[in-house]
Protein backbone atom coordinates (compact mmCIF):
# COMPACT_ATOMS: atom_id res chain seq x y z
CA UNK A 1 87.00 -8.39 -4.26
CA UNK A 2 87.50 -5.26 -6.39
CA UNK A 3 90.23 -5.02 -8.96
CA UNK A 4 93.49 -3.38 -7.97
CA UNK A 5 93.93 -0.01 -9.65
CA UNK A 6 97.09 0.92 -11.51
CA UNK A 7 99.05 3.74 -9.89
CA UNK A 8 99.06 6.45 -12.56
CA UNK A 9 102.23 8.05 -11.18
CA UNK A 10 104.03 4.75 -11.71
CA UNK A 11 102.87 4.44 -15.34
CA UNK A 12 104.47 7.81 -16.07
CA UNK A 13 107.82 6.82 -14.53
CA UNK A 14 108.27 3.13 -15.32
CA UNK A 15 107.63 0.70 -18.14
CA UNK A 16 107.88 -3.05 -18.51
CA UNK A 17 110.35 -4.71 -20.87
CA UNK A 18 109.38 -7.65 -23.04
CA UNK A 19 111.17 -10.03 -20.65
CA UNK A 20 109.28 -8.70 -17.61
CA UNK A 21 111.91 -6.39 -16.15
CA UNK A 22 110.99 -2.88 -14.98
CA UNK A 23 112.69 -0.02 -16.82
CA UNK A 24 113.16 3.49 -15.46
CA UNK A 25 114.56 6.68 -16.94
CA UNK A 26 117.98 7.72 -15.72
CA UNK A 27 118.12 10.14 -12.80
CA UNK A 28 120.07 13.40 -12.70
CA UNK A 29 119.35 15.03 -16.05
CA UNK A 30 116.52 17.46 -15.40
CA UNK A 31 118.39 20.46 -13.93
CA UNK A 32 121.90 21.76 -13.10
CA UNK A 33 123.02 20.62 -16.54
CA UNK A 34 125.40 23.48 -17.31
CA UNK A 35 128.15 21.98 -15.14
CA UNK A 36 127.74 18.45 -16.55
CA UNK A 37 129.80 17.36 -19.52
CA UNK A 38 128.22 16.59 -22.88
CA UNK A 39 129.29 12.96 -22.57
CA UNK A 40 127.69 12.64 -19.12
CA UNK A 41 124.38 14.11 -20.30
CA UNK A 42 124.41 11.89 -23.38
CA UNK A 43 124.94 8.79 -21.23
CA UNK A 44 121.95 9.75 -19.06
CA UNK A 45 119.56 9.36 -22.01
CA UNK A 46 117.38 6.32 -22.38
CA UNK A 47 116.15 3.77 -19.88
CA UNK A 48 117.92 1.54 -17.37
CA UNK A 49 116.79 -1.54 -15.48
CA UNK A 50 115.37 -0.97 -12.00
CA UNK A 51 117.16 -2.74 -9.15
CA UNK A 52 115.99 -6.24 -8.25
CA UNK A 53 114.95 -5.15 -4.76
CA UNK A 54 112.51 -2.51 -6.06
CA UNK A 55 111.02 -4.51 -8.94
CA UNK A 56 108.29 -6.43 -7.01
CA UNK A 57 106.92 -3.22 -5.49
CA UNK A 58 106.77 -1.41 -8.83
CA UNK A 59 105.26 -4.45 -10.58
CA UNK A 60 102.44 -4.38 -8.03
CA UNK A 61 101.86 -0.70 -8.85
CA UNK A 62 101.76 -1.53 -12.58
CA UNK A 63 99.62 -4.64 -12.09
CA UNK A 64 96.88 -3.71 -14.58
CA UNK A 65 99.09 -1.76 -16.98
CA UNK A 66 99.59 -3.38 -20.39
CA UNK A 67 101.86 -1.17 -22.41
């Protein structure tokens, strides 16, 4: 049986935390930023934890990724 390949698109969008949770960058900060407040844009920085329902699917995509 061949090894399962890592989905490269997933490695660019998600990363694993030390405890095994999947982290994603916040949505809604790439365009139409002129109408958003400074506080709202500041709070969109950083990573957030992916929902529990989506985590198994993304972990399968990142199966060989160690980073």
